[in-house]
Amino acid sequence: MIKICFIFVVLISLRVSSQTVFQNVKLKPYNLMSEIYGQSEPSIAIDPKNPNNIAAGCILSDYYFSKDGGKTWESRKMSSTYGVWGDPAILFDTTGHVYYFHLADYKKTSWIDRIVCQSASTVDGKFNEGTFPKPNGTKAQDKHWMVLNPMNNDIYLTWTQFDKYDSALESDSSVILFARSSDQGKTWTDPKRISFYGGNCLDSDETVEGAVPAVGPNGEIYVVWSGPKGLVFQVSKDRGNKWLPVEQKIGPQIEGWDLDIPGMNRANGLPILVSDLSNGPNRGNLYLNWCDQRNGKDNTDVFLSVSKDGGKTWSEARKVNQDNTKTHQFFTWVTVDQSTGYLYFVYYDRRNYSDLKTDVYISRSTDGGITFKDFRISDKPFTPDAKNFFGDYLNISAVKGEVRPIYPRMDEGKITLWVTLIQDAKLK
């Protein structure tokens, strides 16, 4: 029996290791602050005009860029009059301008009182001091995401406003806000509340959070987020001037978005929304991606729901990760390659282990989220330590068959940042 078990373990190990055929590139941190906080909460974007140009960021103020498709990288420290305090989110427009959104730490006012947008005309260029939607006194502005309308280069920005961050008072609440820039981030419309229902300010399941916008083929703006009402949806058909009077409920997020994952300091399962703007058969599809624990608190999974009618109806949740184990898959993100309409998901995965060892996987769907195929992309597993902050998300971008997931890993308590170089043609 011992010999049989040993052979089984060896075969499993060989099967796991043989799946990894991708080049992983380590991104060198810019400064000591990166070493202290760890290179977590990354964002990445590929320039649709020139896929060799890639930009990325991580907390608190690191900026990375590559001009050879991700093989080599340079790093810089972001600085601004308004301070730089994490939650980086990267975007390219159709002209090659790159945008670095982040939280503020403005010494003249109050901590995270605005969402700052810094921009540069080229991936290796100098960023401006930054602009922002109008602040609201000392209320905290947090957890922003944005999307580009490629038809007119509008930038649509959504985020959570806290009356007072981490306040337990019932009189303090959180809401979802929206703003638009129509001049490459130079100016912004005044923030508009788009959530009818609010949440608390404790930055957990009862907080409205994770607002992610997407653009439809006719310029529609779609937004999803999570909170006390579960997964909810908003839409505007006039560039964000008017919205539904009340957000629509899509469905529950079992065990909420603030998930309990062994070994993780915290692990959110906040939703991600993307749309298919390709000329493929699934043009116009909306894809909603999230994690929850409907299969058990010891069995977190990655899910997808699809809308083919602009968010009026949604498919039943489909499990993305194709394992049959009772293990955790968590920290998901999804992107669409707009040249093909193919979907790519990145997430952490423990299917190969009975302990806290963690791999990084991607899943690919070429048929509009009906079927999925999984690929292990990390060279070796890592084991996280809950004593160390590991951030709230990872990220992925795909343009013209070039797929670039970005993710932190933790080895012996130290967090490092990695990008995997993937060509869709090699995903077999």
Protein backbone atom coordinates (compact mmCIF):
# COMPACT_ATOMS: atom_id res chain seq x y z
CA MET A 1 0.00 0.00 0.00
CA ILE A 2 2.84 2.42 0.83
CA LYS A 3 4.48 1.75 -2.52
CA ILE A 4 1.19 2.29 -4.40
CA CYS A 5 0.56 5.57 -2.56
CA PHE A 6 4.10 6.73 -3.33
CA ILE A 7 3.69 5.98 -7.03
CA PHE A 8 0.36 7.83 -7.05
CA VAL A 9 1.92 10.91 -5.46
CA VAL A 10 4.80 10.84 -7.94
CA LEU A 11 2.40 10.59 -10.88
CA ILE A 12 0.35 13.49 -9.55
CA SER A 13 3.50 15.58 -9.11
CA LEU A 14 4.66 14.80 -12.64
CA ARG A 15 1.23 15.66 -14.03
CA VAL A 16 1.18 18.98 -12.20
CA SER A 17 4.72 19.99 -13.16
CA SER A 18 4.27 18.98 -16.79
CA GLN A 19 1.43 21.47 -17.21
CA THR A 20 3.67 24.51 -16.69
CA VAL A 21 5.11 25.53 -20.05
CA PHE A 22 4.92 29.29 -19.74
CA GLN A 23 7.63 31.86 -19.05
CA ASN A 24 7.19 33.63 -15.71
CA VAL A 25 8.88 37.01 -15.32
CA LYS A 26 9.59 38.55 -11.92
CA LEU A 27 9.06 42.31 -11.63
CA LYS A 28 11.73 44.02 -9.57
CA PRO A 29 10.32 46.45 -6.97
CA TYR A 30 11.22 50.09 -7.28
CA ASN A 31 11.94 51.00 -3.69
CA LEU A 32 12.01 49.97 -0.06
CA MET A 33 8.30 50.70 0.43
CA SER A 34 7.53 47.92 -2.04
CA GLU A 35 9.63 45.55 0.04
CA ILE A 36 7.83 46.56 3.24
CA TYR A 37 4.26 46.36 1.95
CA GLY A 38 4.91 43.65 -0.61
CA GLN A 39 4.14 43.88 -4.31
CA SER A 40 0.42 43.22 -4.01
CA GLU A 41 -2.82 44.52 -5.56
CA PRO A 42 -1.43 44.62 -9.11
CA SER A 43 -3.05 45.95 -12.26
CA ILE A 44 -1.90 45.40 -15.85
CA ALA A 45 -2.90 46.66 -19.29
CA ILE A 46 -1.67 45.96 -22.81
CA ASP A 47 -1.67 48.83 -25.29
CA PRO A 48 -4.23 47.89 -27.98
CA LYS A 49 -2.38 50.13 -30.45
CA ASN A 50 0.94 48.35 -29.85
CA PRO A 51 0.76 45.10 -27.82
CA ASN A 52 4.50 45.24 -27.17
CA ASN A 53 3.78 48.10 -24.76
CA ILE A 54 2.52 46.92 -21.39
CA ALA A 55 1.97 48.94 -18.20
CA ALA A 56 1.46 47.66 -14.66
CA GLY A 57 1.31 48.91 -11.08
CA CYS A 58 1.17 47.66 -7.51
CA ILE A 59 0.89 49.14 -4.04
CA LEU A 60 1.79 51.55 -2.80
CA SER A 61 3.28 53.52 -5.68
CA ASP A 62 5.10 51.21 -8.10
CA TYR A 63 4.79 51.66 -11.86
CA TYR A 64 6.23 49.12 -14.30
CA PHE A 65 6.44 49.19 -18.08
CA SER A 66 7.65 46.88 -20.82
CA LYS A 67 8.27 47.67 -24.47
CA ASP A 68 8.94 44.09 -25.57
CA GLY A 69 5.71 42.31 -24.68
CA GLY A 70 6.67 41.66 -21.06
CA LYS A 71 10.03 39.98 -21.47
CA THR A 72 11.85 42.82 -19.70
CA TRP A 73 10.55 45.58 -17.43
CA GLU A 74 11.57 48.93 -16.01
CA SER A 75 10.16 50.33 -12.77
CA ARG A 76 9.49 53.78 -11.38
CA LYS A 77 7.95 55.34 -8.33
CA MET A 78 4.71 57.24 -8.90
CA SER A 79 4.46 60.64 -7.23
CA SER A 80 1.77 63.30 -7.17
CA THR A 81 0.91 66.52 -5.38
CA TYR A 82 -2.10 64.60 -4.05
CA GLY A 83 -0.11 61.65 -2.77
CA VAL A 84 -0.18 58.03 -3.94
CA TRP A 85 -1.80 55.50 -1.62
CA GLY A 86 -2.33 52.24 -3.46
CA ASP A 87 -5.23 50.60 -5.31
CA PRO A 88 -3.49 51.09 -8.67
CA ALA A 89 -5.60 50.55 -11.78
CA ILE A 90 -4.06 50.84 -15.25
CA LEU A 91 -5.73 51.78 -18.55
CA PHE A 92 -4.69 52.55 -22.14
CA ASP A 93 -6.79 54.56 -24.57
CA THR A 94 -6.84 54.08 -28.34
CA THR A 95 -4.06 56.65 -28.90
CA GLY A 96 -1.50 54.95 -26.65
CA HIS A 97 -2.02 57.25 -23.66
CA VAL A 98 -1.63 55.36 -20.38
CA TYR A 99 -3.56 56.15 -17.19
CA TYR A 100 -2.60 55.26 -13.62
CA PHE A 101 -5.52 55.60 -11.18
CA HIS A 102 -4.86 55.42 -7.46
CA LEU A 103 -5.99 56.53 -4.00
CA ALA A 104 -4.81 59.86 -2.61
CA ASP A 105 -2.87 60.87 0.48
CA TYR A 106 -3.18 64.63 0.19
CA LYS A 107 -1.54 66.33 3.16
CA LYS A 108 -3.61 69.51 2.74
CA THR A 109 -6.95 67.72 3.14
CA SER A 110 -7.58 64.19 4.40
CA TRP A 111 -6.51 60.62 3.65
CA ILE A 112 -8.09 58.98 0.54
CA ASP A 113 -10.45 61.91 -0.04
CA ARG A 114 -10.27 61.54 -3.85
CA ILE A 115 -9.52 59.14 -6.72
CA VAL A 116 -6.51 60.44 -8.67
CA CYS A 117 -5.91 59.88 -12.39
CA GLN A 118 -2.37 60.44 -13.65
CA SER A 119 -1.63 60.10 -17.35
CA ALA A 120 1.27 59.99 -19.78
CA SER A 121 1.34 60.15 -23.58
CA THR A 122 3.56 57.06 -23.87
CA VAL A 123 4.17 53.96 -21.79
CA ASP A 124 7.64 55.19 -20.83
CA GLY A 125 6.66 58.84 -20.54
CA LYS A 126 6.39 61.27 -17.67
CA PHE A 127 3.08 61.25 -15.81
CA ASN A 128 1.27 64.47 -15.01
CA GLU A 129 0.40 65.49 -11.45
CA GLY A 130 -3.08 64.07 -11.77
CA THR A 131 -6.74 65.03 -11.92
CA PHE A 132 -9.77 63.78 -10.02
CA PRO A 133 -13.54 63.91 -9.74
CA LYS A 134 -14.70 66.47 -7.18
CA PRO A 135 -14.01 65.37 -3.57
CA ASN A 136 -16.78 65.34 -0.97
CA GLY A 137 -15.24 66.84 2.16
CA THR A 138 -13.54 64.21 4.29
CA LYS A 139 -15.56 61.28 2.93
CA ALA A 140 -13.31 58.41 1.82
CA GLN A 141 -13.17 57.48 -1.87
CA ASP A 142 -12.02 53.89 -2.36
CA LYS A 143 -11.85 50.76 -4.56
CA HIS A 144 -12.19 52.28 -8.01
CA TRP A 145 -12.24 50.67 -11.43
CA MET A 146 -12.63 52.20 -14.86
CA VAL A 147 -13.24 51.32 -18.49
CA LEU A 148 -12.57 52.98 -21.83
CA ASN A 149 -15.24 53.53 -24.46
CA PRO A 150 -13.15 52.79 -27.58
CA MET A 151 -15.67 54.54 -29.82
CA ASN A 152 -15.00 58.01 -28.37
CA ASN A 153 -12.21 57.54 -25.78
CA ASP A 154 -14.53 58.42 -22.90
CA ILE A 155 -13.26 57.08 -19.56
CA TYR A 156 -15.91 55.82 -17.14
CA LEU A 157 -14.92 55.59 -13.47
CA THR A 158 -16.82 53.91 -10.63
CA TRP A 159 -15.93 53.55 -6.95
CA THR A 160 -17.17 53.34 -3.34
CA GLN A 161 -17.65 56.40 -1.16
CA PHE A 162 -17.51 55.87 2.61
CA ASP A 163 -19.01 58.50 4.91
CA LYS A 164 -16.23 57.46 7.26
CA TYR A 165 -14.01 54.50 6.49
CA ASP A 166 -14.25 51.64 9.05
CA SER A 167 -16.99 53.39 11.02
CA ALA A 168 -19.46 51.10 12.81
CA LEU A 169 -22.03 53.89 13.25
CA GLU A 170 -25.37 53.17 11.59
CA SER A 171 -25.50 56.80 10.51
CA ASP A 172 -22.40 56.26 8.33
CA SER A 173 -22.93 54.51 5.01
CA SER A 174 -21.23 53.53 1.74
CA VAL A 175 -22.55 54.24 -1.77
CA ILE A 176 -21.40 53.71 -5.37
CA LEU A 177 -20.38 56.74 -7.42
CA PHE A 178 -19.74 57.37 -11.14
CA ALA A 179 -17.82 60.03 -13.09
CA ARG A 180 -16.83 60.51 -16.73
CA SER A 181 -13.92 62.12 -18.52
CA SER A 182 -14.26 63.04 -22.21
CA ASP A 183 -10.88 64.75 -22.63
CA GLN A 184 -8.28 62.08 -21.77
CA GLY A 185 -8.58 62.57 -18.04
CA LYS A 186 -8.06 66.32 -17.99
CA THR A 187 -11.48 67.02 -16.42
CA TRP A 188 -14.24 64.95 -14.82
CA THR A 189 -17.97 65.24 -14.41
CA ASP A 190 -19.20 65.69 -10.85
CA PRO A 191 -19.60 62.35 -9.07
CA LYS A 192 -23.08 60.86 -9.43
CA ARG A 193 -24.56 58.34 -7.02
CA ILE A 194 -25.74 55.27 -8.93
CA SER A 195 -26.60 52.94 -6.03
CA PHE A 196 -30.08 53.34 -4.59
CA TYR A 197 -29.20 51.03 -1.71
CA GLY A 198 -26.24 51.82 0.50
CA GLY A 199 -24.15 49.69 2.81
CA ASN A 200 -22.18 50.08 5.99
CA CYS A 201 -18.62 51.43 6.27
CA LEU A 202 -16.84 48.36 7.64
CA ASP A 203 -15.27 47.30 4.32
CA SER A 204 -16.86 43.85 4.45
CA ASP A 205 -19.91 41.93 3.22
CA GLU A 206 -22.42 44.63 4.20
CA THR A 207 -20.47 47.36 2.39
CA VAL A 208 -21.37 48.17 -1.23
CA GLU A 209 -18.11 47.61 -3.03
CA GLY A 210 -16.37 46.30 -6.12
CA ALA A 211 -18.07 48.54 -8.69
CA VAL A 212 -16.67 47.57 -12.10
CA PRO A 213 -17.87 49.27 -15.33
CA ALA A 214 -18.08 47.80 -18.83
CA VAL A 215 -19.05 49.31 -22.19
CA GLY A 216 -21.56 47.76 -24.60
CA PRO A 217 -21.39 47.78 -28.41
CA ASN A 218 -23.64 50.85 -28.63
CA GLY A 219 -21.84 52.79 -25.92
CA GLU A 220 -24.00 51.55 -23.05
CA ILE A 221 -22.36 51.73 -19.61
CA TYR A 222 -22.90 48.71 -17.40
CA VAL A 223 -21.79 48.46 -13.75
CA VAL A 224 -21.89 45.61 -11.23
CA TRP A 225 -21.01 45.50 -7.54
CA SER A 226 -21.71 43.48 -4.42
CA GLY A 227 -23.04 44.23 -0.95
CA PRO A 228 -26.07 43.58 1.28
CA LYS A 229 -28.30 42.89 -1.77
CA GLY A 230 -25.83 40.42 -3.29
CA LEU A 231 -24.65 40.91 -6.86
CA VAL A 232 -26.37 43.91 -8.44
CA PHE A 233 -26.40 45.69 -11.79
CA GLN A 234 -26.80 49.21 -13.16
CA VAL A 235 -26.99 50.60 -16.70
CA SER A 236 -26.85 53.97 -18.47
CA LYS A 237 -27.50 54.49 -22.17
CA ASP A 238 -26.53 58.16 -22.34
CA ARG A 239 -22.86 58.24 -21.25
CA GLY A 240 -23.73 58.19 -17.56
CA ASN A 241 -26.21 61.03 -17.32
CA LYS A 242 -29.20 58.86 -16.42
CA TRP A 243 -29.31 55.48 -14.69
CA LEU A 244 -31.93 53.00 -13.56
CA PRO A 245 -33.76 54.43 -10.53
CA VAL A 246 -32.90 51.25 -8.57
CA GLU A 247 -30.12 48.78 -9.27
CA GLN A 248 -31.26 45.33 -10.41
CA LYS A 249 -30.45 42.23 -8.38
CA ILE A 250 -28.60 39.52 -10.32
CA GLY A 251 -28.30 36.91 -7.60
CA PRO A 252 -26.78 36.05 -4.22
CA GLN A 253 -23.09 35.87 -3.43
CA ILE A 254 -23.00 32.95 -1.04
CA GLU A 255 -21.06 33.76 2.16
CA GLY A 256 -20.67 37.34 0.85
CA TRP A 257 -17.72 38.94 -0.92
CA ASP A 258 -15.41 38.99 2.11
CA LEU A 259 -14.37 35.34 2.03
CA ASP A 260 -12.55 33.29 4.64
CA ILE A 261 -9.63 31.50 2.96
CA PRO A 262 -7.11 29.67 5.17
CA GLY A 263 -3.69 31.30 5.06
CA MET A 264 -4.98 34.58 3.66
CA ASN A 265 -5.05 37.84 5.61
CA ARG A 266 -8.27 38.55 3.72
CA ALA A 267 -9.66 37.37 0.41
CA ASN A 268 -12.41 39.19 -1.41
CA GLY A 269 -14.54 37.63 -4.11
CA LEU A 270 -15.75 40.92 -5.53
CA PRO A 271 -17.32 40.77 -9.00
CA ILE A 272 -15.70 41.70 -12.31
CA LEU A 273 -17.69 42.70 -15.39
CA VAL A 274 -16.45 42.65 -18.99
CA SER A 275 -18.17 42.89 -22.36
CA ASP A 276 -17.48 41.42 -25.78
CA LEU A 277 -16.89 44.18 -28.33
CA SER A 278 -15.29 41.86 -30.88
CA ASN A 279 -16.77 41.04 -34.27
CA GLY A 280 -17.16 37.43 -33.19
CA PRO A 281 -20.38 35.45 -32.61
CA ASN A 282 -20.70 36.63 -28.99
CA ARG A 283 -20.46 40.36 -29.61
CA GLY A 284 -22.50 42.21 -27.00
CA ASN A 285 -22.29 39.49 -24.35
CA LEU A 286 -21.79 40.65 -20.77
CA TYR A 287 -19.67 38.40 -18.53
CA LEU A 288 -19.91 38.59 -14.74
CA ASN A 289 -17.13 36.83 -12.84
CA TRP A 290 -16.84 36.35 -9.06
CA CYS A 291 -15.95 33.87 -6.30
CA ASP A 292 -18.21 32.50 -3.60
CA GLN A 293 -18.69 29.49 -1.32
CA ARG A 294 -21.99 28.02 -2.49
CA ASN A 295 -20.26 24.63 -2.59
CA GLY A 296 -19.11 24.93 1.03
CA LYS A 297 -16.89 27.10 3.17
CA ASP A 298 -14.04 24.69 2.47
CA ASN A 299 -14.64 24.77 -1.29
CA THR A 300 -14.45 28.28 -2.76
CA ASP A 301 -14.95 28.35 -6.54
CA VAL A 302 -14.78 30.77 -9.48
CA PHE A 303 -18.08 31.51 -11.23
CA LEU A 304 -19.40 33.13 -14.38
CA SER A 305 -22.82 34.38 -15.37
CA VAL A 306 -23.60 35.60 -18.89
CA SER A 307 -26.14 38.11 -20.19
CA LYS A 308 -27.01 38.22 -23.88
CA ASP A 309 -29.62 40.98 -23.59
CA GLY A 310 -27.84 43.91 -22.01
CA GLY A 311 -28.26 42.73 -18.42
CA LYS A 312 -32.02 42.11 -18.47
CA THR A 313 -31.48 38.41 -17.79
CA TRP A 314 -28.49 36.38 -16.66
CA SER A 315 -27.55 32.72 -17.03
CA GLU A 316 -27.25 30.41 -14.06
CA ALA A 317 -23.84 30.55 -12.43
CA ARG A 318 -21.30 28.35 -14.22
CA LYS A 319 -18.22 27.05 -12.44
CA VAL A 320 -15.08 28.21 -14.25
CA ASN A 321 -12.43 26.04 -12.58
CA GLN A 322 -12.83 22.54 -13.95
CA ASP A 323 -11.48 20.50 -11.05
CA ASN A 324 -13.67 18.17 -9.01
CA THR A 325 -11.81 18.68 -5.74
CA LYS A 326 -13.06 20.13 -2.50
CA THR A 327 -10.43 22.89 -2.35
CA HIS A 328 -10.20 26.66 -2.70
CA GLN A 329 -10.05 28.63 -5.95
CA PHE A 330 -10.04 32.35 -5.19
CA PHE A 331 -8.98 35.93 -6.14
CA THR A 332 -10.37 35.81 -9.67
CA TRP A 333 -10.13 38.29 -12.54
CA VAL A 334 -11.33 38.04 -16.14
CA THR A 335 -10.60 39.77 -19.44
CA VAL A 336 -11.83 39.56 -23.04
CA ASP A 337 -9.49 39.63 -26.00
CA GLN A 338 -11.48 41.96 -28.23
CA SER A 339 -9.79 40.59 -31.35
CA THR A 340 -11.36 37.16 -30.82
CA GLY A 341 -13.96 37.41 -28.04
CA TYR A 342 -12.06 34.74 -26.07
CA LEU A 343 -12.29 34.86 -22.26
CA TYR A 344 -9.33 34.45 -19.91
CA PHE A 345 -9.66 34.03 -16.13
CA VAL A 346 -6.79 34.10 -13.63
CA TYR A 347 -7.07 32.87 -10.03
CA TYR A 348 -5.27 31.14 -7.17
CA ASP A 349 -5.85 27.39 -6.91
CA ARG A 350 -5.23 24.61 -4.36
CA ARG A 351 -6.61 21.66 -6.31
CA ASN A 352 -3.28 19.82 -6.27
CA TYR A 353 -2.67 19.93 -2.52
CA SER A 354 -4.21 19.07 0.84
CA ASP A 355 -2.58 21.99 2.67
CA LEU A 356 -2.10 25.73 2.03
CA LYS A 357 0.13 25.30 -1.01
CA THR A 358 -1.23 27.53 -3.77
CA ASP A 359 -0.81 27.55 -7.55
CA VAL A 360 -1.81 30.16 -10.11
CA TYR A 361 -4.17 29.03 -12.88
CA ILE A 362 -5.84 30.53 -15.89
CA SER A 363 -9.00 29.24 -17.53
CA ARG A 364 -9.84 29.93 -21.16
CA SER A 365 -13.20 29.91 -22.92
CA THR A 366 -13.53 30.24 -26.68
CA ASP A 367 -17.30 29.76 -26.87
CA GLY A 368 -18.73 32.61 -24.84
CA GLY A 369 -18.34 31.06 -21.40
CA ILE A 370 -20.03 27.72 -22.10
CA THR A 371 -16.95 25.54 -21.69
CA PHE A 372 -13.58 26.17 -20.03
CA LYS A 373 -10.09 24.70 -20.08
CA ASP A 374 -7.68 25.17 -17.18
CA PHE A 375 -3.90 25.75 -17.30
CA ARG A 376 -1.48 25.91 -14.39
CA ILE A 377 0.86 28.86 -15.05
CA SER A 378 2.99 29.09 -11.90
CA ASP A 379 6.31 27.22 -11.89
CA LYS A 380 5.86 26.06 -8.32
CA PRO A 381 3.35 26.53 -5.50
CA PHE A 382 3.68 29.05 -2.72
CA THR A 383 2.38 28.97 0.83
CA PRO A 384 0.81 32.20 2.11
CA ASP A 385 0.95 33.37 5.72
CA ALA A 386 -2.14 35.08 7.13
CA LYS A 387 0.05 37.35 9.25
CA ASN A 388 1.09 39.20 6.10
CA PHE A 389 -1.18 41.48 4.07
CA PHE A 390 -1.58 39.98 0.59
CA GLY A 391 -3.85 42.56 -1.04
CA ASP A 392 -7.31 42.25 -2.52
CA TYR A 393 -6.90 41.31 -6.17
CA LEU A 394 -4.76 40.19 -9.08
CA ASN A 395 -5.27 41.08 -12.75
CA ILE A 396 -5.03 40.01 -16.40
CA SER A 397 -5.00 41.62 -19.85
CA ALA A 398 -5.26 40.12 -23.35
CA VAL A 399 -4.80 41.77 -26.76
CA LYS A 400 -4.46 40.05 -30.16
CA GLY A 401 -3.69 36.65 -28.66
CA GLU A 402 -1.12 37.94 -26.17
CA VAL A 403 -2.28 37.15 -22.63
CA ARG A 404 -0.60 38.66 -19.58
CA PRO A 405 -1.77 37.67 -16.08
CA ILE A 406 -0.11 39.49 -13.18
CA TYR A 407 -0.13 38.17 -9.62
CA PRO A 408 1.75 38.31 -6.31
CA ARG A 409 3.11 35.21 -4.63
CA MET A 410 4.42 34.77 -1.09
CA ASP A 411 7.52 32.73 -0.32
CA GLU A 412 8.75 32.56 3.29
CA GLY A 413 6.64 35.59 4.12
CA LYS A 414 8.02 37.76 1.29
CA ILE A 415 5.66 38.94 -1.45
CA THR A 416 6.96 39.23 -5.01
CA LEU A 417 5.19 40.17 -8.24
CA TRP A 418 5.08 38.08 -11.42
CA VAL A 419 3.80 38.25 -14.99
CA THR A 420 3.33 35.15 -17.14
CA LEU A 421 3.87 35.39 -20.90
CA ILE A 422 1.14 33.48 -22.72
CA GLN A 423 0.32 33.23 -26.41
CA ASP A 424 -3.16 31.97 -27.11
CA ALA A 425 -1.88 29.88 -30.02
CA LYS A 426 0.09 27.76 -27.53
CA LEU A 427 -2.88 27.02 -25.25
CA LYS A 428 -3.63 23.43 -26.18
